[in-house]
Amino acid sequence: MIIPYQQLAPNTLESILESYALREGTDYGIDEVPLQHKVEQLMQQLQHGDLLLVWSELHETINLMSKQSWQQLQQEASTTQAFNEDSSS
């Protein structure tokens, strides 16, 4: 389920973005990028709609996912559902 980032308290959203930035393991090259800069980049991606906050009911976790990855996941789920419906007929 997609969680609109605007519905979260600012401190909560910042904590989620910081947690993600710390665990994502992205290499920014030779120069170290400050955590606050990474958080600002993530926030910009959320604001532009390129990044989504996704709640997993199964795992009871929240994560960040690119819009493209989310759309692909939804497409795969639809394909699987259609296949299962055809197989059970």
N, C-alpha and C. Protein backbone atom coordinates (compact mmCIF):
# COMPACT_ATOMS: atom_id res chain seq x y z
N MET A 1 0.84 -1.15 0.00
CA MET A 1 0.00 0.00 0.00
C MET A 1 0.90 1.23 0.00
N ILE A 2 0.57 2.20 -0.85
CA ILE A 2 1.34 3.44 -0.92
C ILE A 2 0.85 4.38 0.17
N ILE A 3 1.79 4.94 0.91
CA ILE A 3 1.49 5.90 1.97
C ILE A 3 1.87 7.29 1.45
N PRO A 4 0.92 8.21 1.32
CA PRO A 4 1.29 9.58 0.91
C PRO A 4 2.21 10.20 1.95
N TYR A 5 3.38 10.63 1.52
CA TYR A 5 4.36 11.16 2.47
C TYR A 5 3.84 12.40 3.18
N GLN A 6 2.90 13.11 2.56
CA GLN A 6 2.34 14.33 3.16
C GLN A 6 1.53 14.02 4.42
N GLN A 7 1.09 12.78 4.57
CA GLN A 7 0.27 12.40 5.72
C GLN A 7 1.10 12.07 6.96
N LEU A 8 2.42 12.00 6.80
CA LEU A 8 3.28 11.69 7.94
C LEU A 8 3.75 12.97 8.62
N ALA A 9 3.93 12.88 9.91
CA ALA A 9 4.52 14.00 10.65
C ALA A 9 5.93 14.23 10.11
N PRO A 10 6.37 15.47 10.00
CA PRO A 10 7.71 15.75 9.46
C PRO A 10 8.84 14.98 10.14
N ASN A 11 8.79 14.86 11.45
CA ASN A 11 9.84 14.13 12.16
C ASN A 11 9.83 12.65 11.81
N THR A 12 8.64 12.09 11.65
CA THR A 12 8.51 10.68 11.28
C THR A 12 9.07 10.44 9.89
N LEU A 13 8.70 11.31 8.96
CA LEU A 13 9.19 11.19 7.59
C LEU A 13 10.71 11.31 7.55
N GLU A 14 11.25 12.27 8.26
CA GLU A 14 12.70 12.45 8.28
C GLU A 14 13.39 11.22 8.85
N SER A 15 12.82 10.63 9.88
CA SER A 15 13.41 9.41 10.47
C SER A 15 13.40 8.26 9.48
N ILE A 16 12.32 8.12 8.73
CA ILE A 16 12.23 7.06 7.72
C ILE A 16 13.29 7.28 6.64
N LEU A 17 13.41 8.53 6.17
CA LEU A 17 14.39 8.83 5.13
C LEU A 17 15.82 8.62 5.63
N GLU A 18 16.09 9.02 6.86
CA GLU A 18 17.43 8.81 7.43
C GLU A 18 17.74 7.32 7.54
N SER A 19 16.77 6.56 8.02
CA SER A 19 16.96 5.12 8.16
C SER A 19 17.28 4.48 6.80
N TYR A 20 16.54 4.89 5.79
CA TYR A 20 16.76 4.36 4.45
C TYR A 20 18.15 4.76 3.94
N ALA A 21 18.50 6.02 4.11
CA ALA A 21 19.78 6.52 3.61
C ALA A 21 20.95 5.80 4.29
N LEU A 22 20.78 5.44 5.53
CA LEU A 22 21.84 4.75 6.25
C LEU A 22 21.98 3.28 5.85
N ARG A 23 20.89 2.67 5.43
CA ARG A 23 20.96 1.24 5.11
C ARG A 23 21.07 0.94 3.64
N GLU A 24 20.81 1.91 2.79
CA GLU A 24 20.73 1.62 1.37
C GLU A 24 22.05 1.27 0.73
N GLY A 25 23.17 1.68 1.33
CA GLY A 25 24.47 1.25 0.86
C GLY A 25 24.91 1.82 -0.47
N THR A 26 24.31 2.90 -0.90
CA THR A 26 24.70 3.50 -2.17
C THR A 26 26.08 4.12 -2.04
N ASP A 27 26.91 3.84 -3.01
CA ASP A 27 28.25 4.42 -3.04
C ASP A 27 28.18 5.74 -3.79
N TYR A 28 28.58 6.82 -3.13
CA TYR A 28 28.54 8.13 -3.74
C TYR A 28 29.90 8.53 -4.32
N GLY A 29 30.78 7.57 -4.48
CA GLY A 29 32.08 7.85 -5.06
C GLY A 29 33.12 8.17 -4.01
N ILE A 30 34.15 8.89 -4.44
CA ILE A 30 35.27 9.21 -3.57
C ILE A 30 34.86 10.13 -2.43
N ASP A 31 34.03 11.13 -2.72
CA ASP A 31 33.61 12.11 -1.73
C ASP A 31 32.46 11.57 -0.89
N GLU A 32 32.58 11.73 0.41
CA GLU A 32 31.51 11.33 1.33
C GLU A 32 30.37 12.35 1.23
N VAL A 33 29.14 11.85 1.14
CA VAL A 33 27.97 12.71 1.07
C VAL A 33 27.32 12.73 2.45
N PRO A 34 27.13 13.93 3.01
CA PRO A 34 26.51 14.01 4.34
C PRO A 34 25.11 13.41 4.36
N LEU A 35 24.74 12.83 5.49
CA LEU A 35 23.43 12.20 5.64
C LEU A 35 22.31 13.18 5.30
N GLN A 36 22.41 14.41 5.76
CA GLN A 36 21.35 15.39 5.50
C GLN A 36 21.16 15.62 4.01
N HIS A 37 22.25 15.60 3.25
CA HIS A 37 22.16 15.77 1.79
C HIS A 37 21.43 14.58 1.16
N LYS A 38 21.73 13.39 1.63
CA LYS A 38 21.05 12.19 1.13
C LYS A 38 19.55 12.27 1.42
N VAL A 39 19.21 12.71 2.63
CA VAL A 39 17.80 12.84 3.02
C VAL A 39 17.11 13.87 2.13
N GLU A 40 17.77 14.98 1.85
CA GLU A 40 17.19 16.00 0.98
C GLU A 40 16.96 15.46 -0.43
N GLN A 41 17.89 14.66 -0.92
CA GLN A 41 17.72 14.06 -2.24
C GLN A 41 16.52 13.11 -2.27
N LEU A 42 16.37 12.31 -1.22
CA LEU A 42 15.23 11.40 -1.14
C LEU A 42 13.93 12.18 -1.07
N MET A 43 13.91 13.27 -0.30
CA MET A 43 12.71 14.08 -0.18
C MET A 43 12.33 14.69 -1.52
N GLN A 44 13.30 15.14 -2.28
CA GLN A 44 13.02 15.69 -3.61
C GLN A 44 12.41 14.63 -4.52
N GLN A 45 12.91 13.41 -4.42
CA GLN A 45 12.36 12.33 -5.23
C GLN A 45 10.92 12.01 -4.83
N LEU A 46 10.63 12.07 -3.53
CA LEU A 46 9.25 11.88 -3.07
C LEU A 46 8.36 12.99 -3.61
N GLN A 47 8.81 14.22 -3.52
CA GLN A 47 8.02 15.36 -3.96
C GLN A 47 7.74 15.33 -5.46
N HIS A 48 8.69 14.81 -6.23
CA HIS A 48 8.51 14.71 -7.68
C HIS A 48 7.73 13.48 -8.10
N GLY A 49 7.46 12.60 -7.14
CA GLY A 49 6.70 11.39 -7.45
C GLY A 49 7.54 10.25 -8.01
N ASP A 50 8.86 10.41 -7.98
CA ASP A 50 9.75 9.36 -8.48
C ASP A 50 9.99 8.26 -7.46
N LEU A 51 9.72 8.57 -6.19
CA LEU A 51 9.95 7.65 -5.08
C LEU A 51 8.66 7.56 -4.28
N LEU A 52 8.34 6.36 -3.81
CA LEU A 52 7.10 6.13 -3.07
C LEU A 52 7.40 5.51 -1.71
N LEU A 53 6.57 5.85 -0.73
CA LEU A 53 6.60 5.18 0.57
C LEU A 53 5.63 4.02 0.48
N VAL A 54 6.10 2.83 0.72
CA VAL A 54 5.27 1.63 0.55
C VAL A 54 5.21 0.86 1.86
N TRP A 55 4.00 0.59 2.33
CA TRP A 55 3.76 -0.19 3.54
C TRP A 55 3.49 -1.63 3.14
N SER A 56 4.23 -2.55 3.74
CA SER A 56 4.00 -3.97 3.50
C SER A 56 3.15 -4.52 4.64
N GLU A 57 1.94 -4.87 4.33
CA GLU A 57 1.07 -5.46 5.35
C GLU A 57 1.59 -6.83 5.78
N LEU A 58 2.16 -7.56 4.85
CA LEU A 58 2.69 -8.89 5.14
C LEU A 58 3.84 -8.82 6.14
N HIS A 59 4.77 -7.90 5.91
CA HIS A 59 5.96 -7.79 6.76
C HIS A 59 5.85 -6.71 7.83
N GLU A 60 4.78 -5.93 7.75
CA GLU A 60 4.57 -4.80 8.67
C GLU A 60 5.78 -3.89 8.71
N THR A 61 6.21 -3.49 7.51
CA THR A 61 7.36 -2.60 7.37
C THR A 61 7.02 -1.50 6.36
N ILE A 62 7.76 -0.41 6.46
CA ILE A 62 7.64 0.66 5.48
C ILE A 62 8.96 0.76 4.75
N ASN A 63 8.89 1.01 3.46
CA ASN A 63 10.10 1.08 2.66
C ASN A 63 9.93 2.12 1.58
N LEU A 64 11.03 2.51 0.98
CA LEU A 64 11.00 3.41 -0.16
C LEU A 64 11.19 2.58 -1.41
N MET A 65 10.45 2.93 -2.45
CA MET A 65 10.52 2.18 -3.70
C MET A 65 10.36 3.16 -4.85
N SER A 66 11.13 2.96 -5.89
CA SER A 66 10.97 3.84 -7.06
C SER A 66 9.58 3.59 -7.66
N LYS A 67 9.05 4.62 -8.26
CA LYS A 67 7.72 4.50 -8.89
C LYS A 67 7.76 3.42 -9.96
N GLN A 68 8.84 3.36 -10.70
CA GLN A 68 8.98 2.36 -11.75
C GLN A 68 8.96 0.94 -11.17
N SER A 69 9.67 0.73 -10.08
CA SER A 69 9.68 -0.59 -9.44
C SER A 69 8.29 -0.96 -8.92
N TRP A 70 7.59 0.01 -8.35
CA TRP A 70 6.24 -0.22 -7.85
C TRP A 70 5.30 -0.63 -8.99
N GLN A 71 5.39 0.08 -10.11
CA GLN A 71 4.53 -0.23 -11.26
C GLN A 71 4.85 -1.62 -11.80
N GLN A 72 6.12 -1.97 -11.85
CA GLN A 72 6.51 -3.30 -12.33
C GLN A 72 5.98 -4.38 -11.39
N LEU A 73 6.09 -4.15 -10.09
CA LEU A 73 5.59 -5.10 -9.11
C LEU A 73 4.09 -5.30 -9.24
N GLN A 74 3.37 -4.20 -9.46
CA GLN A 74 1.92 -4.29 -9.62
C GLN A 74 1.56 -5.04 -10.90
N GLN A 75 2.31 -4.80 -11.96
CA GLN A 75 2.07 -5.50 -13.22
C GLN A 75 2.31 -7.00 -13.06
N GLU A 76 3.39 -7.36 -12.38
CA GLU A 76 3.69 -8.77 -12.15
C GLU A 76 2.61 -9.43 -11.30
N ALA A 77 2.10 -8.70 -10.30
CA ALA A 77 1.05 -9.25 -9.45
C ALA A 77 -0.22 -9.48 -10.26
N SER A 78 -0.53 -8.55 -11.17
CA SER A 78 -1.72 -8.71 -12.01
C SER A 78 -1.58 -9.90 -12.94
N THR A 79 -0.39 -10.07 -13.50
CA THR A 79 -0.13 -11.19 -14.40
C THR A 79 -0.26 -12.52 -13.64
N THR A 80 0.30 -12.57 -12.44
CA THR A 80 0.22 -13.78 -11.63
C THR A 80 -1.22 -14.09 -11.27
N GLN A 81 -1.97 -13.07 -10.89
CA GLN A 81 -3.37 -13.27 -10.54
C GLN A 81 -4.16 -13.79 -11.72
N ALA A 82 -3.94 -13.21 -12.91
CA ALA A 82 -4.64 -13.66 -14.11
C ALA A 82 -4.27 -15.11 -14.44
N PHE A 83 -2.99 -15.46 -14.30
CA PHE A 83 -2.54 -16.83 -14.55
C PHE A 83 -3.22 -17.79 -13.58
N ASN A 84 -3.26 -17.43 -12.29
CA ASN A 84 -3.89 -18.29 -11.30
C ASN A 84 -5.37 -18.48 -11.56
N GLU A 85 -6.04 -17.43 -12.00
CA GLU A 85 -7.47 -17.52 -12.31
C GLU A 85 -7.69 -18.45 -13.49
N ASP A 86 -6.82 -18.34 -14.53
CA ASP A 86 -6.93 -19.21 -15.70
C ASP A 86 -6.64 -20.66 -15.35
N SER A 87 -5.69 -20.88 -14.45
CA SER A 87 -5.29 -22.23 -14.07
C SER A 87 -6.37 -22.92 -13.24
N SER A 88 -7.13 -22.15 -12.50
CA SER A 88 -8.16 -22.76 -11.64
C SER A 88 -9.45 -23.03 -12.38
N SER A 89 -9.54 -22.58 -13.63
CA SER A 89 -10.77 -22.80 -14.41
C SER A 89 -10.83 -24.16 -15.01
